[in-house]
Amino acid sequence: MEPVFRKKDILVIVAVLVAALAFFVLPKLLRPAGAEASVIYDGTEIMRIPLDTDETYTVDGDLTATLEVKDGKIRFIHSLCPDKLCEGFGWIGLSGETAVCMPAKLAVIIL
């Protein structure tokens, strides 16, 4: 009876597991300590939010929006805008990533 996995099969499985682990762990390791998100309303920065503390923020603009910070990332979790596209951006946490709620004139940019 032949073995279920050959040596090459095991090497491929290990390589895939290492790549998957690197995909999830490296972004956290490469993010500088004290990373922040800039919240911009109508072209003007109104606040900076630290990403190292899990918390929820309510931002009042043309429309009210709620932002959630968790595990070094941020996302829109609620907005009074009609289409809710901003809630679909999901989590952002790497430098340069942006989420925008156009009807509320709000943008969140990771610094």
Protein backbone atom coordinates (compact mmCIF):
# COMPACT_ATOMS: atom_id res chain seq x y z
CA MET A 1 0.00 0.00 0.00
CA GLU A 2 1.34 3.44 -1.00
CA PRO A 3 1.67 6.25 1.53
CA VAL A 4 -1.06 8.90 1.42
CA PHE A 5 1.45 11.76 1.09
CA ARG A 6 4.72 11.62 -0.75
CA LYS A 7 7.73 13.71 0.25
CA LYS A 8 6.98 16.29 -2.49
CA ASP A 9 3.36 16.58 -1.33
CA ILE A 10 4.45 17.36 2.21
CA LEU A 11 6.92 20.01 0.96
CA VAL A 12 4.17 21.71 -1.05
CA ILE A 13 1.79 21.67 1.92
CA VAL A 14 4.45 23.16 4.20
CA ALA A 15 5.28 25.86 1.62
CA VAL A 16 1.61 26.84 1.31
CA LEU A 17 1.19 26.98 5.10
CA VAL A 18 4.32 29.16 5.48
CA ALA A 19 3.11 31.52 2.72
CA ALA A 20 -0.33 31.80 4.32
CA LEU A 21 1.19 32.51 7.72
CA ALA A 22 3.45 35.20 6.23
CA PHE A 23 0.46 36.77 4.48
CA PHE A 24 -1.34 37.28 7.80
CA VAL A 25 1.58 37.94 10.16
CA LEU A 26 3.92 40.16 8.10
CA PRO A 27 1.56 43.14 7.76
CA LYS A 28 1.26 43.32 11.55
CA LEU A 29 5.01 43.07 12.01
CA LEU A 30 5.75 45.70 9.36
CA ARG A 31 3.23 48.25 10.67
CA PRO A 32 5.07 50.88 12.68
CA ALA A 33 4.17 51.16 16.34
CA GLY A 34 1.76 54.00 16.99
CA ALA A 35 0.25 53.99 13.50
CA GLU A 36 -2.62 56.43 13.10
CA ALA A 37 -5.58 57.06 10.86
CA SER A 38 -6.36 60.57 9.69
CA VAL A 39 -10.07 61.41 9.48
CA ILE A 40 -10.75 64.07 6.88
CA TYR A 41 -14.04 65.95 6.59
CA ASP A 42 -14.67 68.03 3.48
CA GLY A 43 -10.93 68.26 2.73
CA THR A 44 -9.80 69.18 6.26
CA GLU A 45 -8.30 66.82 8.82
CA ILE A 46 -10.58 66.82 11.86
CA MET A 47 -8.94 64.13 13.97
CA ARG A 48 -6.24 61.49 14.18
CA ILE A 49 -7.15 58.12 15.58
CA PRO A 50 -4.49 55.84 17.10
CA LEU A 51 -4.74 52.29 15.81
CA ASP A 52 -3.17 50.66 18.85
CA THR A 53 -6.29 50.95 21.06
CA ASP A 54 -9.55 49.17 20.23
CA GLU A 55 -12.35 51.73 20.33
CA THR A 56 -15.40 53.07 18.47
CA TYR A 57 -15.62 56.68 17.27
CA THR A 58 -18.61 58.67 16.07
CA VAL A 59 -17.82 61.38 13.51
CA ASP A 60 -20.35 64.10 12.78
CA GLY A 61 -20.23 65.72 9.38
CA ASP A 62 -22.96 66.22 6.81
CA LEU A 63 -24.00 62.72 7.90
CA THR A 64 -22.98 60.85 11.04
CA ALA A 65 -20.61 57.91 10.62
CA THR A 66 -19.20 55.42 13.11
CA LEU A 67 -15.65 54.08 12.89
CA GLU A 68 -14.33 51.00 14.70
CA VAL A 69 -10.67 50.41 15.59
CA LYS A 70 -9.64 46.85 16.34
CA ASP A 71 -6.35 44.94 16.12
CA GLY A 72 -4.51 47.85 14.51
CA LYS A 73 -7.09 48.38 11.76
CA ILE A 74 -10.07 50.69 11.24
CA ARG A 75 -13.35 50.50 9.33
CA PHE A 76 -16.67 52.24 8.84
CA ILE A 77 -19.27 50.22 10.75
CA HIS A 78 -22.24 52.55 10.28
CA SER A 79 -23.10 55.58 8.23
CA LEU A 80 -26.32 57.43 7.60
CA CYS A 81 -25.52 57.65 3.89
CA PRO A 82 -28.06 56.00 1.58
CA ASP A 83 -25.82 53.53 -0.28
CA LYS A 84 -23.59 52.24 2.60
CA LEU A 85 -20.63 51.74 0.23
CA CYS A 86 -18.22 52.99 2.90
CA GLU A 87 -19.20 50.08 5.14
CA GLY A 88 -18.18 47.73 2.34
CA PHE A 89 -14.56 48.94 2.32
CA GLY A 90 -13.91 46.68 5.28
CA TRP A 91 -10.79 46.89 7.41
CA ILE A 92 -7.85 49.07 6.45
CA GLY A 93 -4.61 49.22 8.37
CA LEU A 94 -1.61 49.57 6.08
CA SER A 95 0.02 52.91 5.33
CA GLY A 96 -1.68 54.65 2.41
CA GLU A 97 -4.93 52.68 2.52
CA THR A 98 -8.08 54.79 2.31
CA ALA A 99 -11.81 54.38 2.96
CA VAL A 100 -14.25 57.08 1.88
CA CYS A 101 -17.88 57.98 2.55
CA MET A 102 -18.68 60.51 -0.19
CA PRO A 103 -22.19 61.50 0.96
CA ALA A 104 -20.81 62.28 4.44
CA LYS A 105 -17.72 63.98 2.95
CA LEU A 106 -15.52 61.76 5.15
CA ALA A 107 -12.28 59.98 4.34
CA VAL A 108 -10.07 57.82 6.52
CA ILE A 109 -6.42 57.52 5.51
CA ILE A 110 -3.85 55.31 7.24
CA LEU A 111 -0.69 57.32 7.93
